[in-house]
Amino acid sequence: MKTEGKDKLDMLFAAARRAGPEASPEISRAGLGFETKLLARIRAERAQPPWYAPLYAMSWRLVPLFMAVVVALGSWYYMAPDQSSDMRTVLVAEYDASMYQSVLIGE
C-alpha cells in the first residue's frame, strides 16, 4: 500500500518536472530545484488566509462568553424551584387550582 502511494507521488513529481518553469519570473530566474519551487509556492499560498479565518478567530475568542452563558443557565436551572415541565402535570395543576377556586366560590 505504501508503494502505491509512493509510485503515485513519484509520477506526480516527474510530471511536474516535465511541465517546465514556474509562471513566477523570480522563481524561474533563480534556477532553483523542483522541491524548492514547490515549497515556495506552498508557502505563498499559505500566506493568504482563507475567507473564514476572521470568523474562526472570532469564534475562538467568544468561547469564554458562551461558556459563561452555559454556566449561568445551568445554575439558574439548578436553583429554580422544583416545577415539573411535563405538560400533564401542568394541566392537572391548573385543573386542581380551578377546582379549588370553584369550591371556594360555591359554583
N, C-alpha and C. Protein backbone atom coordinates (compact mmCIF):
# COMPACT_ATOMS: atom_id res chain seq x y z
N MET A 1 0.82 -1.19 0.00
CA MET A 1 0.00 0.00 0.00
C MET A 1 0.87 1.25 0.00
N LYS A 2 1.97 1.20 0.76
CA LYS A 2 2.85 2.35 0.79
C LYS A 2 3.54 2.54 -0.55
N THR A 3 3.82 1.46 -1.24
CA THR A 3 4.50 1.57 -2.53
C THR A 3 3.59 2.19 -3.58
N GLU A 4 2.27 1.91 -3.49
CA GLU A 4 1.34 2.52 -4.45
C GLU A 4 1.33 4.04 -4.27
N GLY A 5 1.27 4.49 -3.05
CA GLY A 5 1.28 5.92 -2.79
C GLY A 5 2.58 6.56 -3.21
N LYS A 6 3.68 5.86 -2.95
CA LYS A 6 4.99 6.39 -3.34
C LYS A 6 5.12 6.44 -4.85
N ASP A 7 4.60 5.43 -5.55
CA ASP A 7 4.64 5.43 -7.02
C ASP A 7 3.82 6.59 -7.58
N LYS A 8 2.67 6.82 -7.00
CA LYS A 8 1.84 7.94 -7.47
C LYS A 8 2.54 9.27 -7.23
N LEU A 9 3.17 9.39 -6.06
CA LEU A 9 3.88 10.62 -5.75
C LEU A 9 5.05 10.83 -6.70
N ASP A 10 5.78 9.76 -6.99
CA ASP A 10 6.89 9.86 -7.94
C ASP A 10 6.40 10.26 -9.33
N MET A 11 5.26 9.72 -9.73
CA MET A 11 4.69 10.10 -11.03
C MET A 11 4.31 11.58 -11.05
N LEU A 12 3.75 12.06 -9.96
CA LEU A 12 3.38 13.47 -9.89
C LEU A 12 4.61 14.38 -9.94
N PHE A 13 5.66 13.99 -9.21
CA PHE A 13 6.89 14.78 -9.26
C PHE A 13 7.48 14.79 -10.66
N ALA A 14 7.48 13.66 -11.33
CA ALA A 14 8.01 13.58 -12.69
C ALA A 14 7.19 14.45 -13.65
N ALA A 15 5.88 14.42 -13.50
CA ALA A 15 5.02 15.24 -14.37
C ALA A 15 5.25 16.72 -14.11
N ALA A 16 5.48 17.08 -12.86
CA ALA A 16 5.72 18.48 -12.55
C ALA A 16 7.07 18.94 -13.09
N ARG A 17 8.06 18.06 -13.06
CA ARG A 17 9.37 18.41 -13.62
C ARG A 17 9.30 18.60 -15.13
N ARG A 18 8.46 17.80 -15.79
CA ARG A 18 8.31 17.93 -17.25
C ARG A 18 7.51 19.17 -17.62
N ALA A 19 6.75 19.71 -16.71
CA ALA A 19 5.86 20.83 -17.03
C ALA A 19 6.63 22.09 -17.39
N GLY A 20 7.82 22.24 -16.91
CA GLY A 20 8.61 23.41 -17.29
C GLY A 20 8.74 24.41 -16.16
N PRO A 21 9.22 25.61 -16.51
CA PRO A 21 9.49 26.62 -15.48
C PRO A 21 8.20 27.16 -14.86
N GLU A 22 8.37 27.76 -13.73
CA GLU A 22 7.25 28.36 -13.00
C GLU A 22 6.72 29.58 -13.74
N ALA A 23 5.49 29.93 -13.42
CA ALA A 23 4.91 31.13 -14.01
C ALA A 23 5.51 32.38 -13.39
N SER A 24 5.97 32.26 -12.17
CA SER A 24 6.53 33.39 -11.47
C SER A 24 7.97 33.63 -11.95
N PRO A 25 8.29 34.82 -12.45
CA PRO A 25 9.63 35.05 -13.03
C PRO A 25 10.75 35.03 -11.99
N GLU A 26 10.49 35.46 -10.75
CA GLU A 26 11.58 35.49 -9.77
C GLU A 26 12.02 34.09 -9.37
N ILE A 27 11.10 33.13 -9.40
CA ILE A 27 11.47 31.76 -9.05
C ILE A 27 12.14 31.08 -10.23
N SER A 28 11.63 31.31 -11.45
CA SER A 28 12.20 30.62 -12.62
C SER A 28 13.59 31.17 -12.95
N ARG A 29 13.87 32.44 -12.69
CA ARG A 29 15.19 33.00 -12.97
C ARG A 29 16.25 32.47 -12.01
N ALA A 30 15.84 32.12 -10.81
CA ALA A 30 16.80 31.67 -9.82
C ALA A 30 17.37 30.30 -10.16
N GLY A 31 16.65 29.51 -10.94
CA GLY A 31 17.13 28.20 -11.32
C GLY A 31 17.15 27.23 -10.15
N LEU A 32 16.20 27.37 -9.26
CA LEU A 32 16.16 26.51 -8.09
C LEU A 32 15.61 25.14 -8.45
N GLY A 33 15.80 24.19 -7.59
CA GLY A 33 15.31 22.84 -7.81
C GLY A 33 13.79 22.77 -7.69
N PHE A 34 13.25 21.66 -8.14
CA PHE A 34 11.80 21.50 -8.15
C PHE A 34 11.20 21.58 -6.75
N GLU A 35 11.83 20.89 -5.80
CA GLU A 35 11.27 20.86 -4.45
C GLU A 35 11.27 22.25 -3.83
N THR A 36 12.30 23.04 -4.11
CA THR A 36 12.36 24.40 -3.59
C THR A 36 11.24 25.25 -4.18
N LYS A 37 11.00 25.06 -5.48
CA LYS A 37 9.91 25.80 -6.12
C LYS A 37 8.56 25.40 -5.54
N LEU A 38 8.41 24.09 -5.32
CA LEU A 38 7.15 23.61 -4.76
C LEU A 38 6.91 24.17 -3.37
N LEU A 39 7.93 24.16 -2.53
CA LEU A 39 7.80 24.70 -1.18
C LEU A 39 7.53 26.21 -1.21
N ALA A 40 8.15 26.92 -2.14
CA ALA A 40 7.91 28.35 -2.25
C ALA A 40 6.46 28.63 -2.64
N ARG A 41 5.92 27.84 -3.54
CA ARG A 41 4.53 28.02 -3.94
C ARG A 41 3.58 27.71 -2.78
N ILE A 42 3.87 26.63 -2.05
CA ILE A 42 3.02 26.27 -0.91
C ILE A 42 3.05 27.37 0.15
N ARG A 43 4.24 27.91 0.41
CA ARG A 43 4.35 29.00 1.40
C ARG A 43 3.59 30.24 0.94
N ALA A 44 3.65 30.53 -0.36
CA ALA A 44 2.93 31.70 -0.88
C ALA A 44 1.42 31.52 -0.75
N GLU A 45 0.94 30.28 -0.98
CA GLU A 45 -0.49 30.04 -0.85
C GLU A 45 -0.93 30.08 0.60
N ARG A 46 -0.06 29.64 1.51
CA ARG A 46 -0.40 29.66 2.93
C ARG A 46 -0.36 31.07 3.49
N ALA A 47 0.37 31.98 2.85
CA ALA A 47 0.46 33.35 3.35
C ALA A 47 -0.88 34.07 3.23
N GLN A 48 -1.69 33.65 2.27
CA GLN A 48 -3.01 34.26 2.12
C GLN A 48 -3.99 33.51 3.00
N PRO A 49 -4.56 34.18 4.00
CA PRO A 49 -5.51 33.49 4.87
C PRO A 49 -6.80 33.17 4.13
N PRO A 50 -7.46 32.09 4.50
CA PRO A 50 -8.73 31.75 3.85
C PRO A 50 -9.81 32.74 4.24
N TRP A 51 -10.91 32.71 3.53
CA TRP A 51 -12.00 33.67 3.77
C TRP A 51 -12.62 33.51 5.14
N TYR A 52 -12.56 32.33 5.72
CA TYR A 52 -13.20 32.09 7.01
C TYR A 52 -12.27 32.33 8.19
N ALA A 53 -11.05 32.79 7.96
CA ALA A 53 -10.10 32.99 9.06
C ALA A 53 -10.60 33.99 10.11
N PRO A 54 -11.17 35.15 9.73
CA PRO A 54 -11.66 36.07 10.77
C PRO A 54 -12.80 35.46 11.59
N LEU A 55 -13.69 34.72 10.94
CA LEU A 55 -14.79 34.09 11.66
C LEU A 55 -14.27 33.04 12.62
N TYR A 56 -13.28 32.29 12.19
CA TYR A 56 -12.68 31.25 13.03
C TYR A 56 -12.02 31.87 14.25
N ALA A 57 -11.27 32.94 14.06
CA ALA A 57 -10.60 33.60 15.18
C ALA A 57 -11.61 34.21 16.13
N MET A 58 -12.67 34.83 15.59
CA MET A 58 -13.67 35.45 16.45
C MET A 58 -14.43 34.39 17.25
N SER A 59 -14.70 33.25 16.64
CA SER A 59 -15.44 32.22 17.38
C SER A 59 -14.61 31.69 18.54
N TRP A 60 -13.30 31.56 18.37
CA TRP A 60 -12.46 31.11 19.49
C TRP A 60 -12.38 32.17 20.57
N ARG A 61 -12.50 33.43 20.20
CA ARG A 61 -12.48 34.49 21.22
C ARG A 61 -13.79 34.54 21.99
N LEU A 62 -14.86 34.05 21.39
CA LEU A 62 -16.17 34.07 22.05
C LEU A 62 -16.43 32.84 22.91
N VAL A 63 -15.55 31.86 22.89
CA VAL A 63 -15.75 30.65 23.68
C VAL A 63 -15.92 30.95 25.17
N PRO A 64 -15.12 31.82 25.80
CA PRO A 64 -15.35 32.10 27.22
C PRO A 64 -16.73 32.71 27.49
N LEU A 65 -17.20 33.54 26.58
CA LEU A 65 -18.53 34.13 26.76
C LEU A 65 -19.60 33.04 26.70
N PHE A 66 -19.52 32.17 25.72
CA PHE A 66 -20.50 31.09 25.61
C PHE A 66 -20.44 30.16 26.81
N MET A 67 -19.22 29.92 27.31
CA MET A 67 -19.08 29.08 28.49
C MET A 67 -19.73 29.74 29.71
N ALA A 68 -19.58 31.04 29.84
CA ALA A 68 -20.21 31.76 30.95
C ALA A 68 -21.73 31.71 30.84
N VAL A 69 -22.24 31.81 29.62
CA VAL A 69 -23.70 31.72 29.42
C VAL A 69 -24.21 30.33 29.80
N VAL A 70 -23.49 29.31 29.43
CA VAL A 70 -23.89 27.94 29.77
C VAL A 70 -23.86 27.73 31.27
N VAL A 71 -22.84 28.23 31.93
CA VAL A 71 -22.76 28.10 33.39
C VAL A 71 -23.88 28.86 34.06
N ALA A 72 -24.18 30.07 33.56
CA ALA A 72 -25.26 30.86 34.14
C ALA A 72 -26.61 30.17 33.96
N LEU A 73 -26.87 29.64 32.77
CA LEU A 73 -28.14 28.94 32.54
C LEU A 73 -28.23 27.67 33.38
N GLY A 74 -27.12 26.97 33.52
CA GLY A 74 -27.12 25.77 34.34
C GLY A 74 -27.39 26.07 35.80
N SER A 75 -26.77 27.12 36.31
CA SER A 75 -27.01 27.47 37.72
C SER A 75 -28.43 28.00 37.91
N TRP A 76 -28.96 28.72 36.92
CA TRP A 76 -30.33 29.21 37.01
C TRP A 76 -31.31 28.03 37.05
N TYR A 77 -31.05 27.04 36.20
CA TYR A 77 -31.91 25.86 36.19
C TYR A 77 -31.79 25.09 37.50
N TYR A 78 -30.57 25.00 38.03
CA TYR A 78 -30.35 24.24 39.25
C TYR A 78 -31.01 24.93 40.45
N MET A 79 -31.00 26.25 40.49
CA MET A 79 -31.54 26.98 41.64
C MET A 79 -33.02 27.30 41.50
N ALA A 80 -33.61 27.01 40.38
CA ALA A 80 -35.04 27.28 40.19
C ALA A 80 -35.84 26.33 41.08
N PRO A 81 -37.02 26.77 41.52
CA PRO A 81 -37.84 25.87 42.33
C PRO A 81 -38.24 24.64 41.52
N ASP A 82 -38.45 23.55 42.22
CA ASP A 82 -38.78 22.29 41.54
C ASP A 82 -40.18 22.37 40.96
N GLN A 83 -40.25 22.62 39.70
CA GLN A 83 -41.51 22.63 38.98
C GLN A 83 -41.33 21.71 37.78
N SER A 84 -42.29 20.85 37.61
CA SER A 84 -42.19 19.92 36.51
C SER A 84 -42.56 20.62 35.21
N SER A 85 -41.88 20.28 34.18
CA SER A 85 -42.20 20.86 32.87
C SER A 85 -43.03 19.89 32.05
N ASP A 86 -43.49 18.82 32.68
CA ASP A 86 -44.33 17.85 31.99
C ASP A 86 -45.69 18.49 31.72
N MET A 87 -46.21 18.36 30.53
CA MET A 87 -47.47 19.01 30.15
C MET A 87 -48.64 18.46 30.96
N ARG A 88 -48.64 17.19 31.23
CA ARG A 88 -49.74 16.60 32.01
C ARG A 88 -49.76 17.17 33.41
N THR A 89 -48.59 17.31 34.01
CA THR A 89 -48.51 17.86 35.37
C THR A 89 -49.00 19.30 35.40
N VAL A 90 -48.64 20.05 34.40
CA VAL A 90 -49.08 21.45 34.34
C VAL A 90 -50.59 21.53 34.19
N LEU A 91 -51.17 20.69 33.32
CA LEU A 91 -52.62 20.72 33.12
C LEU A 91 -53.37 20.26 34.37
N VAL A 92 -52.85 19.23 35.03
CA VAL A 92 -53.51 18.74 36.24
C VAL A 92 -53.44 19.80 37.33
N ALA A 93 -52.30 20.48 37.44
CA ALA A 93 -52.16 21.54 38.44
C ALA A 93 -53.15 22.66 38.16
N GLU A 94 -53.32 23.03 36.91
CA GLU A 94 -54.28 24.07 36.55
C GLU A 94 -55.72 23.61 36.86
N TYR A 95 -56.01 22.36 36.57
CA TYR A 95 -57.34 21.83 36.84
C TYR A 95 -57.61 21.82 38.35
N ASP A 96 -56.61 21.39 39.13
CA ASP A 96 -56.77 21.38 40.58
C ASP A 96 -57.00 22.79 41.12
N ALA A 97 -56.27 23.74 40.60
CA ALA A 97 -56.43 25.12 41.06
C ALA A 97 -57.83 25.63 40.72
N SER A 98 -58.32 25.31 39.54
CA SER A 98 -59.66 25.78 39.17
C SER A 98 -60.74 25.06 39.99
N MET A 99 -60.48 23.80 40.35
CA MET A 99 -61.44 23.08 41.19
C MET A 99 -61.50 23.70 42.60
N TYR A 100 -60.34 24.01 43.17
CA TYR A 100 -60.33 24.66 44.49
C TYR A 100 -61.04 25.99 44.45
N GLN A 101 -60.83 26.72 43.37
CA GLN A 101 -61.47 28.02 43.25
C GLN A 101 -62.99 27.86 43.13
N SER A 102 -63.45 26.92 42.38
CA SER A 102 -64.89 26.74 42.22
C SER A 102 -65.52 26.24 43.53
N VAL A 103 -64.79 25.47 44.31
CA VAL A 103 -65.32 25.01 45.60
C VAL A 103 -65.43 26.20 46.55
N LEU A 104 -64.39 27.03 46.54
CA LEU A 104 -64.40 28.19 47.45
C LEU A 104 -65.45 29.21 47.06
N ILE A 105 -65.67 29.39 45.78
CA ILE A 105 -66.67 30.37 45.32
C ILE A 105 -68.06 29.81 45.48
N GLY A 106 -68.20 28.52 45.36
CA GLY A 106 -69.51 27.90 45.53
C GLY A 106 -70.19 27.63 44.22
N GLU A 107 -69.47 27.44 43.19
CA GLU A 107 -70.09 27.15 41.91
C GLU A 107 -70.36 25.69 41.74
